[in-house]
PDB file of N, CA and C in Angstrom:
ATOM      1  N   UNK A   1      67.945 121.735  79.575  1.00  0.00           N
ATOM      2  CA  UNK A   1      69.290 121.304  79.241  1.00  0.00           C
ATOM      3  C   UNK A   1      70.270 121.691  80.350  1.00  0.00           C
ATOM      4  N   UNK A   2      70.143 122.914  80.843  1.00  0.00           N
ATOM      5  CA  UNK A   2      71.036 123.383  81.915  1.00  0.00           C
ATOM      6  C   UNK A   2      70.825 122.565  83.172  1.00  0.00           C
ATOM      7  N   UNK A   3      69.566 122.158  83.402  1.00  0.00           N
ATOM      8  CA  UNK A   3      69.261 121.363  84.595  1.00  0.00           C
ATOM      9  C   UNK A   3      69.919 119.980  84.498  1.00  0.00           C
ATOM     10  N   UNK A   4      69.914 119.391  83.310  1.00  0.00           N
ATOM     11  CA  UNK A   4      70.532 118.089  83.115  1.00  0.00           C
ATOM     12  C   UNK A   4      72.039 118.179  83.306  1.00  0.00           C
ATOM     13  N   UNK A   5      72.651 119.271  82.826  1.00  0.00           N
ATOM     14  CA  UNK A   5      74.099 119.464  83.018  1.00  0.00           C
ATOM     15  C   UNK A   5      74.433 119.607  84.500  1.00  0.00           C
ATOM     16  N   UNK A   6      73.611 120.339  85.222  1.00  0.00           N
ATOM     17  CA  UNK A   6      73.845 120.545  86.654  1.00  0.00           C
ATOM     18  C   UNK A   6      73.754 119.214  87.402  1.00  0.00           C
ATOM     19  N   UNK A   7      72.765 118.397  87.039  1.00  0.00           N
ATOM     20  CA  UNK A   7      72.635 117.080  87.666  1.00  0.00           C
ATOM     21  C   UNK A   7      73.834 116.196  87.348  1.00  0.00           C
ATOM     22  N   UNK A   8      74.271 116.226  86.111  1.00  0.00           N
ATOM     23  CA  UNK A   8      75.415 115.427  85.693  1.00  0.00           C
ATOM     24  C   UNK A   8      76.681 115.853  86.444  1.00  0.00           C
ATOM     25  N   UNK A   9      76.876 117.152  86.543  1.00  0.00           N
ATOM     26  CA  UNK A   9      78.048 117.670  87.257  1.00  0.00           C
ATOM     27  C   UNK A   9      77.986 117.269  88.729  1.00  0.00           C
ATOM     28  N   UNK A  10      76.813 117.377  89.347  1.00  0.00           N
ATOM     29  CA  UNK A  10      76.701 117.021  90.757  1.00  0.00           C
ATOM     30  C   UNK A  10      76.913 115.523  90.974  1.00  0.00           C
ATOM     31  N   UNK A  11      76.420 114.692  90.052  1.00  0.00           N
ATOM     32  CA  UNK A  11      76.645 113.237  90.164  1.00  0.00           C
ATOM     33  C   UNK A  11      78.130 112.914  90.009  1.00  0.00           C
ATOM     34  N   UNK A  12      78.775 113.560  89.062  1.00  0.00           N
ATOM     35  CA  UNK A  12      80.208 113.333  88.869  1.00  0.00           C
ATOM     36  C   UNK A  12      81.022 113.784  90.089  1.00  0.00           C
ATOM     37  N   UNK A  13      80.660 114.936  90.658  1.00  0.00           N
ATOM     38  CA  UNK A  13      81.349 115.408  91.859  1.00  0.00           C
ATOM     39  C   UNK A  13      81.144 114.447  93.031  1.00  0.00           C
ATOM     40  N   UNK A  14      79.932 113.941  93.159  1.00  0.00           N
ATOM     41  CA  UNK A  14      79.649 112.978  94.217  1.00  0.00           C
ATOM     42  C   UNK A  14      80.466 111.705  94.018  1.00  0.00           C
ATOM     43  N   UNK A  15      80.533 111.212  92.814  1.00  0.00           N
ATOM     44  CA  UNK A  15      81.328 110.018  92.517  1.00  0.00           C
ATOM     45  C   UNK A  15      82.807 110.263  92.807  1.00  0.00           C
ATOM     46  N   UNK A  16      83.289 111.448  92.463  1.00  0.00           N
ATOM     47  CA  UNK A  16      84.677 111.804  92.727  1.00  0.00           C
ATOM     48  C   UNK A  16      84.957 111.838  94.230  1.00  0.00           C
ATOM     49  N   UNK A  17      84.051 112.425  94.993  1.00  0.00           N
ATOM     50  CA  UNK A  17      84.209 112.478  96.443  1.00  0.00           C
ATOM     51  C   UNK A  17      84.213 111.076  97.068  1.00  0.00           C
ATOM     52  N   UNK A  18      83.342 110.224  96.582  1.00  0.00           N
ATOM     53  CA  UNK A  18      83.294 108.841  97.083  1.00  0.00           C
ATOM     54  C   UNK A  18      84.603 108.116  96.758  1.00  0.00           C
ATOM     55  N   UNK A  19      85.103 108.302  95.570  1.00  0.00           N
ATOM     56  CA  UNK A  19      86.362 107.649  95.170  1.00  0.00           C
ATOM     57  C   UNK A  19      87.523 108.164  96.020  1.00  0.00           C
ATOM     58  N   UNK A  20      87.581 109.458  96.238  1.00  0.00           N
ATOM     59  CA  UNK A  20      88.660 110.026  97.065  1.00  0.00           C
ATOM     60  C   UNK A  20      88.566 109.503  98.491  1.00  0.00           C
ATOM     61  N   UNK A  21      87.357 109.421  99.012  1.00  0.00           N
ATOM     62  CA  UNK A  21      87.145 108.914 100.366  1.00  0.00           C
ATOM     63  C   UNK A  21      87.601 107.462 100.484  1.00  0.00           C
ATOM     64  N   UNK A  22      87.257 106.642  99.512  1.00  0.00           N
ATOM     65  CA  UNK A  22      87.649 105.234  99.538  1.00  0.00           C
ATOM     66  C   UNK A  22      89.165 105.088  99.457  1.00  0.00           C
ATOM     67  N   UNK A  23      89.787 105.868  98.608  1.00  0.00           N
ATOM     68  CA  UNK A  23      91.244 105.800  98.459  1.00  0.00           C
ATOM     69  C   UNK A  23      91.930 106.253  99.743  1.00  0.00           C
ATOM     70  N   UNK A  24      91.445 107.338 100.333  1.00  0.00           N
ATOM     71  CA  UNK A  24      92.084 107.818 101.565  1.00  0.00           C
ATOM     72  C   UNK A  24      91.888 106.824 102.703  1.00  0.00           C
ATOM     73  N   UNK A  25      90.751 106.159 102.768  1.00  0.00           N
ATOM     74  CA  UNK A  25      90.526 105.150 103.805  1.00  0.00           C
ATOM     75  C   UNK A  25      91.507 103.989 103.644  1.00  0.00           C
ATOM     76  N   UNK A  26      91.742 103.566 102.411  1.00  0.00           N
ATOM     77  CA  UNK A  26      92.693 102.480 102.165  1.00  0.00           C
ATOM     78  C   UNK A  26      94.109 102.895 102.546  1.00  0.00           C
ATOM     79  N   UNK A  27      94.478 104.116 102.207  1.00  0.00           N
ATOM     80  CA  UNK A  27      95.819 104.614 102.529  1.00  0.00           C
ATOM     81  C   UNK A  27      96.002 104.696 104.040  1.00  0.00           C
ATOM     82  N   UNK A  28      94.995 105.210 104.731  1.00  0.00           N
ATOM     83  CA  UNK A  28      95.088 105.333 106.190  1.00  0.00           C
ATOM     84  C   UNK A  28      95.174 103.960 106.849  1.00  0.00           C
ATOM     85  N   UNK A  29      94.408 102.996 106.368  1.00  0.00           N
ATOM     86  CA  UNK A  29      94.455 101.654 106.924  1.00  0.00           C
ATOM     87  C   UNK A  29      95.828 101.022 106.682  1.00  0.00           C
ATOM     88  N   UNK A  30      96.372 101.234 105.511  1.00  0.00           N
ATOM     89  CA  UNK A  30      97.694 100.687 105.192  1.00  0.00           C
ATOM     90  C   UNK A  30      98.763 101.322 106.079  1.00  0.00           C
ATOM     91  N   UNK A  31      98.672 102.649 106.301  1.00  0.00           N
ATOM     92  CA  UNK A  31      99.645 103.328 107.152  1.00  0.00           C
ATOM     93  C   UNK A  31      99.538 102.853 108.596  1.00  0.00           C
ATOM     94  N   UNK A  32      98.312 102.626 109.070  1.00  0.00           N
ATOM     95  CA  UNK A  32      98.123 102.144 110.441  1.00  0.00           C
ATOM     96  C   UNK A  32      98.712 100.747 110.587  1.00  0.00           C
ATOM     97  N   UNK A  33      98.468  99.892 109.616  1.00  0.00           N
ATOM     98  CA  UNK A  33      99.033  98.546 109.674  1.00  0.00           C
ATOM     99  C   UNK A  33     100.555  98.602 109.599  1.00  0.00           C
ATOM    100  N   UNK A  34     101.084  99.467 108.770  1.00  0.00           N
ATOM    101  CA  UNK A  34     102.531  99.606 108.639  1.00  0.00           C
ATOM    102  C   UNK A  34     103.140 100.113 109.936  1.00  0.00           C
ATOM    103  N   UNK A  35     102.435 101.031 110.632  1.00  0.00           N
ATOM    104  CA  UNK A  35     102.921 101.544 111.919  1.00  0.00           C
ATOM    105  C   UNK A  35     103.116 100.392 112.891  1.00  0.00           C
ATOM    106  N   UNK A  36     102.126  99.493 112.953  1.00  0.00           N
ATOM    107  CA  UNK A  36     102.247  98.372 113.879  1.00  0.00           C
ATOM    108  C   UNK A  36     103.357  97.414 113.467  1.00  0.00           C
ATOM    109  N   UNK A  37     103.597  97.296 112.191  1.00  0.00           N
ATOM    110  CA  UNK A  37     104.666  96.421 111.736  1.00  0.00           C
ATOM    111  C   UNK A  37     106.035  97.042 111.981  1.00  0.00           C
ATOM    112  N   UNK A  38     106.138  98.361 111.765  1.00  0.00           N
ATOM    113  CA  UNK A  38     107.412  99.039 111.913  1.00  0.00           C
ATOM    114  C   UNK A  38     107.793  99.289 113.363  1.00  0.00           C
ATOM    115  N   UNK A  39     106.801  99.386 114.233  1.00  0.00           N
ATOM    116  CA  UNK A  39     107.100  99.709 115.625  1.00  0.00           C
ATOM    117  C   UNK A  39     107.555  98.445 116.340  1.00  0.00           C
ATOM    118  N   UNK A  40     108.814  98.110 116.197  1.00  0.00           N
ATOM    119  CA  UNK A  40     109.363  96.906 116.792  1.00  0.00           C
ATOM    120  C   UNK A  40     109.436  96.971 118.296  1.00  0.00           C
ATOM    121  N   UNK A  41     109.208  98.128 118.896  1.00  0.00           N
ATOM    122  CA  UNK A  41     109.303  98.231 120.340  1.00  0.00           C
ATOM    123  C   UNK A  41     107.978  97.917 121.027  1.00  0.00           C
ATOM    124  N   UNK A  42     106.983  97.472 120.300  1.00  0.00           N
ATOM    125  CA  UNK A  42     105.698  97.134 120.890  1.00  0.00           C
ATOM    126  C   UNK A  42     105.299  95.738 120.482  1.00  0.00           C
ATOM    127  N   UNK A  43     104.454  95.120 121.284  1.00  0.00           N
ATOM    128  CA  UNK A  43     103.956  93.790 120.984  1.00  0.00           C
ATOM    129  C   UNK A  43     104.475  92.783 121.983  1.00  0.00           C
ATOM    130  N   UNK A  44     103.852  91.636 122.037  1.00  0.00           N
ATOM    131  CA  UNK A  44     104.214  90.606 123.009  1.00  0.00           C
ATOM    132  C   UNK A  44     105.683  90.202 122.900  1.00  0.00           C
ATOM    133  N   UNK A  45     106.373  90.210 124.015  1.00  0.00           N
ATOM    134  CA  UNK A  45     107.766  89.784 124.065  1.00  0.00           C
ATOM    135  C   UNK A  45     108.740  90.706 123.369  1.00  0.00           C
ATOM    136  N   UNK A  46     108.347  91.951 123.124  1.00  0.00           N
ATOM    137  CA  UNK A  46     109.215  92.868 122.385  1.00  0.00           C
ATOM    138  C   UNK A  46     110.275  93.527 123.259  1.00  0.00           C
ATOM    139  N   UNK A  47     110.172  93.373 124.572  1.00  0.00           N
ATOM    140  CA  UNK A  47     111.126  94.006 125.484  1.00  0.00           C
ATOM    141  C   UNK A  47     111.956  92.969 126.224  1.00  0.00           C
ATOM    142  N   UNK A  48     113.091  93.403 126.700  1.00  0.00           N
ATOM    143  CA  UNK A  48     113.899  92.628 127.646  1.00  0.00           C
ATOM    144  C   UNK A  48     113.545  93.156 129.034  1.00  0.00           C
ATOM    145  N   UNK A  49     113.713  92.348 130.061  1.00  0.00           N
ATOM    146  CA  UNK A  49     113.296  92.758 131.404  1.00  0.00           C
ATOM    147  C   UNK A  49     114.002  94.032 131.867  1.00  0.00           C
ATOM    148  N   UNK A  50     115.235  94.260 131.435  1.00  0.00           N
ATOM    149  CA  UNK A  50     115.953  95.460 131.861  1.00  0.00           C
ATOM    150  C   UNK A  50     115.384  96.727 131.214  1.00  0.00           C
ATOM    151  N   UNK A  51     114.554  96.593 130.180  1.00  0.00           N
ATOM    152  CA  UNK A  51     113.943  97.740 129.518  1.00  0.00           C
ATOM    153  C   UNK A  51     112.637  98.190 130.180  1.00  0.00           C
ATOM    154  N   UNK A  52     112.115  97.388 131.089  1.00  0.00           N
ATOM    155  CA  UNK A  52     110.823  97.698 131.711  1.00  0.00           C
ATOM    156  C   UNK A  52     110.807  99.029 132.458  1.00  0.00           C
ATOM    157  N   UNK A  53     111.803  99.334 133.306  1.00  0.00           N
ATOM    158  CA  UNK A  53     111.721 100.612 134.032  1.00  0.00           C
ATOM    159  C   UNK A  53     111.614 101.833 133.116  1.00  0.00           C
ATOM    160  N   UNK A  54     112.383 101.877 132.052  1.00  0.00           N
ATOM    161  CA  UNK A  54     112.325 103.057 131.180  1.00  0.00           C
ATOM    162  C   UNK A  54     111.013 103.111 130.400  1.00  0.00           C
ATOM    163  N   UNK A  55     110.514 101.967 129.965  1.00  0.00           N
ATOM    164  CA  UNK A  55     109.245 101.948 129.234  1.00  0.00           C
ATOM    165  C   UNK A  55     108.072 102.309 130.146  1.00  0.00           C
ATOM    166  N   UNK A  56     108.145 101.853 131.394  1.00  0.00           N
ATOM    167  CA  UNK A  56     107.082 102.199 132.349  1.00  0.00           C
ATOM    168  C   UNK A  56     107.168 103.666 132.750  1.00  0.00           C
ATOM    169  N   UNK A  57     108.370 104.215 132.826  1.00  0.00           N
ATOM    170  CA  UNK A  57     108.508 105.645 133.123  1.00  0.00           C
ATOM    171  C   UNK A  57     107.853 106.460 132.004  1.00  0.00           C
ATOM    172  N   UNK A  58     108.009 106.008 130.761  1.00  0.00           N
ATOM    173  CA  UNK A  58     107.351 106.670 129.633  1.00  0.00           C
ATOM    174  C   UNK A  58     105.835 106.521 129.743  1.00  0.00           C
ATOM    175  N   UNK A  59     105.379 105.301 130.007  1.00  0.00           N
ATOM    176  CA  UNK A  59     103.937 105.015 130.086  1.00  0.00           C
ATOM    177  C   UNK A  59     103.268 105.796 131.217  1.00  0.00           C
ATOM    178  N   UNK A  60     103.947 105.916 132.349  1.00  0.00           N
ATOM    179  CA  UNK A  60     103.365 106.543 133.541  1.00  0.00           C
ATOM    180  C   UNK A  60     103.764 108.009 133.683  1.00  0.00           C
ATOM    181  N   UNK A  61     104.391 108.564 132.664  1.00  0.00           N
ATOM    182  CA  UNK A  61     104.956 109.901 132.747  1.00  0.00           C
ATOM    183  C   UNK A  61     103.968 111.032 132.964  1.00  0.00           C
ATOM    184  N   UNK A  62     102.701 110.847 132.618  1.00  0.00           N
ATOM    185  CA  UNK A  62     101.760 111.962 132.727  1.00  0.00           C
ATOM    186  C   UNK A  62     100.614 111.696 133.692  1.00  0.00           C
ATOM    187  N   UNK A  63     100.749 110.674 134.537  1.00  0.00           N
ATOM    188  CA  UNK A  63      99.685 110.391 135.497  1.00  0.00           C
ATOM    189  C   UNK A  63      99.978 111.061 136.824  1.00  0.00           C
ATOM    190  N   UNK A  64      98.927 111.379 137.546  1.00  0.00           N
ATOM    191  CA  UNK A  64      99.120 111.940 138.875  1.00  0.00           C
ATOM    192  C   UNK A  64      99.379 110.829 139.889  1.00  0.00           C
ATOM    193  N   UNK A  65      99.160 109.566 139.499  1.00  0.00           N
ATOM    194  CA  UNK A  65      99.397 108.411 140.364  1.00  0.00           C
ATOM    195  C   UNK A  65     100.647 107.673 139.902  1.00  0.00           C
ATOM    196  N   UNK A  66     101.749 108.372 139.904  1.00  0.00           N
ATOM    197  CA  UNK A  66     102.989 107.860 139.321  1.00  0.00           C
ATOM    198  C   UNK A  66     103.490 106.587 140.011  1.00  0.00           C
ATOM    199  N   UNK A  67     103.541 106.572 141.332  1.00  0.00           N
ATOM    200  CA  UNK A  67     104.090 105.403 142.042  1.00  0.00           C
ATOM    201  C   UNK A  67     103.279 104.131 141.810  1.00  0.00           C
ATOM    202  N   UNK A  68     101.941 104.143 141.993  1.00  0.00           N
ATOM    203  CA  UNK A  68     101.193 102.905 141.711  1.00  0.00           C
ATOM    204  C   UNK A  68     101.262 102.509 140.236  1.00  0.00           C
ATOM    205  N   UNK A  69     101.250 103.501 139.364  1.00  0.00           N
ATOM    206  CA  UNK A  69     101.356 103.207 137.932  1.00  0.00           C
ATOM    207  C   UNK A  69     102.664 102.490 137.643  1.00  0.00           C
ATOM    208  N   UNK A  70     103.757 103.015 138.175  1.00  0.00           N
ATOM    209  CA  UNK A  70     105.067 102.391 137.960  1.00  0.00           C
ATOM    210  C   UNK A  70     105.113 100.986 138.546  1.00  0.00           C
ATOM    211  N   UNK A  71     104.552 100.812 139.746  1.00  0.00           N
ATOM    212  CA  UNK A  71     104.570  99.492 140.392  1.00  0.00           C
ATOM    213  C   UNK A  71     103.865  98.450 139.523  1.00  0.00           C
ATOM    214  N   UNK A  72     102.638  98.754 139.123  1.00  0.00           N
ATOM    215  CA  UNK A  72     101.874  97.773 138.339  1.00  0.00           C
ATOM    216  C   UNK A  72     102.392  97.648 136.911  1.00  0.00           C
ATOM    217  N   UNK A  73     102.846  98.724 136.344  1.00  0.00           N
ATOM    218  CA  UNK A  73     103.402  98.655 134.994  1.00  0.00           C
ATOM    219  C   UNK A  73     104.624  97.738 134.969  1.00  0.00           C
ATOM    220  N   UNK A  74     105.505  97.895 135.946  1.00  0.00           N
ATOM    221  CA  UNK A  74     106.703  97.057 135.972  1.00  0.00           C
ATOM    222  C   UNK A  74     106.359  95.597 136.251  1.00  0.00           C
ATOM    223  N   UNK A  75     105.351  95.365 137.066  1.00  0.00           N
ATOM    224  CA  UNK A  75     104.889  93.999 137.327  1.00  0.00           C
ATOM    225  C   UNK A  75     104.350  93.378 136.033  1.00  0.00           C
ATOM    226  N   UNK A  76     103.545  94.152 135.312  1.00  0.00           N
ATOM    227  CA  UNK A  76     102.973  93.662 134.054  1.00  0.00           C
ATOM    228  C   UNK A  76     104.049  93.478 132.990  1.00  0.00           C
ATOM    229  N   UNK A  77     104.993  94.413 132.942  1.00  0.00           N
ATOM    230  CA  UNK A  77     106.066  94.325 131.957  1.00  0.00           C
ATOM    231  C   UNK A  77     106.941  93.098 132.210  1.00  0.00           C
ATOM    232  N   UNK A  78     107.207  92.818 133.480  1.00  0.00           N
ATOM    233  CA  UNK A  78     108.029  91.647 133.819  1.00  0.00           C
ATOM    234  C   UNK A  78     107.351  90.355 133.354  1.00  0.00           C
ATOM    235  N   UNK A  79     106.037  90.310 133.448  1.00  0.00           N
ATOM    236  CA  UNK A  79     105.297  89.124 133.032  1.00  0.00           C
ATOM    237  C   UNK A  79     105.134  89.068 131.511  1.00  0.00           C
ATOM    238  N   UNK A  80     104.762  90.197 130.914  1.00  0.00           N
ATOM    239  CA  UNK A  80     104.388  90.225 129.495  1.00  0.00           C
ATOM    240  C   UNK A  80     105.536  90.599 128.561  1.00  0.00           C
ATOM    241  N   UNK A  81     106.583  91.233 129.098  1.00  0.00           N
ATOM    242  CA  UNK A  81     107.692  91.768 128.301  1.00  0.00           C
ATOM    243  C   UNK A  81     107.176  92.670 127.185  1.00  0.00           C
ATOM    244  N   UNK A  82     106.237  93.533 127.585  1.00  0.00           N
ATOM    245  CA  UNK A  82     105.580  94.422 126.643  1.00  0.00           C
ATOM    246  C   UNK A  82     104.962  95.580 127.415  1.00  0.00           C
ATOM    247  N   UNK A  83     105.070  96.794 126.890  1.00  0.00           N
ATOM    248  CA  UNK A  83     104.379  97.969 127.424  1.00  0.00           C
ATOM    249  C   UNK A  83     103.782  98.691 126.218  1.00  0.00           C
ATOM    250  N   UNK A  84     102.465  98.939 126.243  1.00  0.00           N
ATOM    251  CA  UNK A  84     101.829  99.587 125.090  1.00  0.00           C
ATOM    252  C   UNK A  84     102.357 100.999 124.844  1.00  0.00           C
ATOM    253  N   UNK A  85     102.242 101.482 123.624  1.00  0.00           N
ATOM    254  CA  UNK A  85     102.688 102.845 123.320  1.00  0.00           C
ATOM    255  C   UNK A  85     101.760 103.879 123.947  1.00  0.00           C
ATOM    256  N   UNK A  86     102.277 105.064 124.156  1.00  0.00           N
ATOM    257  CA  UNK A  86     101.470 106.166 124.666  1.00  0.00           C
ATOM    258  C   UNK A  86     101.335 106.143 126.173  1.00  0.00           C
ATOM    259  N   UNK A  87     100.578 107.116 126.673  1.00  0.00           N
ATOM    260  CA  UNK A  87     100.375 107.253 128.109  1.00  0.00           C
ATOM    261  C   UNK A  87      99.130 106.529 128.584  1.00  0.00           C
ATOM    262  N   UNK A  88      98.215 106.223 127.663  1.00  0.00           N
ATOM    263  CA  UNK A  88      96.937 105.637 128.027  1.00  0.00           C
ATOM    264  C   UNK A  88      96.396 104.866 126.826  1.00  0.00           C
ATOM    265  N   UNK A  89      95.691 103.776 127.097  1.00  0.00           N
ATOM    266  CA  UNK A  89      95.074 103.014 126.017  1.00  0.00           C
ATOM    267  C   UNK A  89      96.099 102.232 125.206  1.00  0.00           C
ATOM    268  N   UNK A  90      95.781 101.947 123.975  1.00  0.00           N
ATOM    269  CA  UNK A  90      96.634 101.205 123.024  1.00  0.00           C
ATOM    270  C   UNK A  90      96.997  99.812 123.529  1.00  0.00           C
ATOM    271  N   UNK A  91      96.209  99.266 124.449  1.00  0.00           N
ATOM    272  CA  UNK A  91      96.544  97.976 125.049  1.00  0.00           C
ATOM    273  C   UNK A  91      96.386  96.803 124.077  1.00  0.00           C
ATOM    274  N   UNK A  92      95.665  97.000 122.981  1.00  0.00           N
ATOM    275  CA  UNK A  92      95.479  95.924 122.005  1.00  0.00           C
ATOM    276  C   UNK A  92      96.803  95.488 121.398  1.00  0.00           C
ATOM    277  N   UNK A  93      97.799  96.365 121.426  1.00  0.00           N
ATOM    278  CA  UNK A  93      99.122  96.046 120.890  1.00  0.00           C
ATOM    279  C   UNK A  93      99.787  94.953 121.729  1.00  0.00           C
ATOM    280  N   UNK A  94      99.402  94.863 122.982  1.00  0.00           N
ATOM    281  CA  UNK A  94     100.018  93.920 123.922  1.00  0.00           C
ATOM    282  C   UNK A  94      98.919  93.117 124.623  1.00  0.00           C
ATOM    283  N   UNK A  95      98.468  92.007 124.052  1.00  0.00           N
ATOM    284  CA  UNK A  95      97.336  91.260 124.614  1.00  0.00           C
ATOM    285  C   UNK A  95      97.543  90.801 126.059  1.00  0.00           C
ATOM    286  N   UNK A  96      98.721  90.341 126.404  1.00  0.00           N
ATOM    287  CA  UNK A  96      98.980  89.896 127.773  1.00  0.00           C
ATOM    288  C   UNK A  96      98.754  91.044 128.741  1.00  0.00           C
ATOM    289  N   UNK A  97      99.280  92.189 128.414  1.00  0.00           N
ATOM    290  CA  UNK A  97      99.152  93.403 129.231  1.00  0.00           C
ATOM    291  C   UNK A  97      97.676  93.799 129.337  1.00  0.00           C
ATOM    292  N   UNK A  98      96.954  93.635 128.268  1.00  0.00           N
ATOM    293  CA  UNK A  98      95.544  94.012 128.214  1.00  0.00           C
ATOM    294  C   UNK A  98      94.662  93.032 128.975  1.00  0.00           C
ATOM    295  N   UNK A  99      94.956  91.761 128.919  1.00  0.00           N
ATOM    296  CA  UNK A  99      94.056  90.731 129.445  1.00  0.00           C
ATOM    297  C   UNK A  99      94.319  90.336 130.891  1.00  0.00           C
ATOM    298  N   UNK A 100      95.389  90.821 131.505  1.00  0.00           N
ATOM    299  CA  UNK A 100      95.662  90.499 132.897  1.00  0.00           C
ATOM    300  C   UNK A 100      94.735  91.346 133.756  1.00  0.00           C
ATOM    301  N   UNK A 101      93.861  90.685 134.529  1.00  0.00           N
ATOM    302  CA  UNK A 101      92.828  91.375 135.300  1.00  0.00           C
ATOM    303  C   UNK A 101      93.044  91.193 136.809  1.00  0.00           C
ATOM    304  N   UNK A 102      92.446  92.104 137.589  1.00  0.00           N
ATOM    305  CA  UNK A 102      92.455  91.985 139.044  1.00  0.00           C
ATOM    306  C   UNK A 102      91.424  90.937 139.456  1.00  0.00           C
ATOM    307  N   UNK A 103      91.365  90.636 140.747  1.00  0.00           N
ATOM    308  CA  UNK A 103      90.373  89.676 141.237  1.00  0.00           C
ATOM    309  C   UNK A 103      88.952  90.154 140.968  1.00  0.00           C
ATOM    310  N   UNK A 104      88.780  91.460 140.944  1.00  0.00           N
ATOM    311  CA  UNK A 104      87.461  92.039 140.692  1.00  0.00           C
ATOM    312  C   UNK A 104      87.144  92.166 139.211  1.00  0.00           C
ATOM    313  N   UNK A 105      88.079  91.824 138.353  1.00  0.00           N
ATOM    314  CA  UNK A 105      87.835  91.876 136.914  1.00  0.00           C
ATOM    315  C   UNK A 105      88.264  93.156 136.240  1.00  0.00           C
ATOM    316  N   UNK A 106      88.863  94.072 136.994  1.00  0.00           N
ATOM    317  CA  UNK A 106      89.350  95.319 136.410  1.00  0.00           C
ATOM    318  C   UNK A 106      90.720  95.120 135.780  1.00  0.00           C
ATOM    319  N   UNK A 107      91.198  96.102 135.052  1.00  0.00           N
ATOM    320  CA  UNK A 107      92.523  95.964 134.424  1.00  0.00           C
ATOM    321  C   UNK A 107      93.644  96.012 135.474  1.00  0.00           C
ATOM    322  N   UNK A 108      94.565  95.085 135.387  1.00  0.00           N
ATOM    323  CA  UNK A 108      95.702  95.051 136.309  1.00  0.00           C
ATOM    324  C   UNK A 108      96.790  96.018 135.854  1.00  0.00           C
ATOM    325  N   UNK A 109      96.949  96.143 134.558  1.00  0.00           N
ATOM    326  CA  UNK A 109      98.055  96.913 134.005  1.00  0.00           C
ATOM    327  C   UNK A 109      97.592  98.299 133.554  1.00  0.00           C
ATOM    328  N   UNK A 110      98.389  99.325 133.885  1.00  0.00           N
ATOM    329  CA  UNK A 110      97.990 100.693 133.516  1.00  0.00           C
ATOM    330  C   UNK A 110      98.212 101.010 132.049  1.00  0.00           C
TER     331      UNK A 110
END
């Protein structure tokens, strides 16, 4: 009898953990989607050309290659009117910025 109770308790705890995990995954996905919706300063065409220098200064703020980063970032921003959030990555927010490649096929935009 005690063994059956222990199994029942463990099954219930497992079910509870699975339910909590599923709920937290849904909440996190909703918050991530909301972040992209609320962040009006990111995405294609979200900037004016006069905003490019300050956004690129933010984007290139922690690189040791500041001058080339600024040069290419401003070139990309002028074309795409978009600079991704953060210092690195997050390029999916700005497809134009992400998809502009060099002649060799590497990323043009930092």
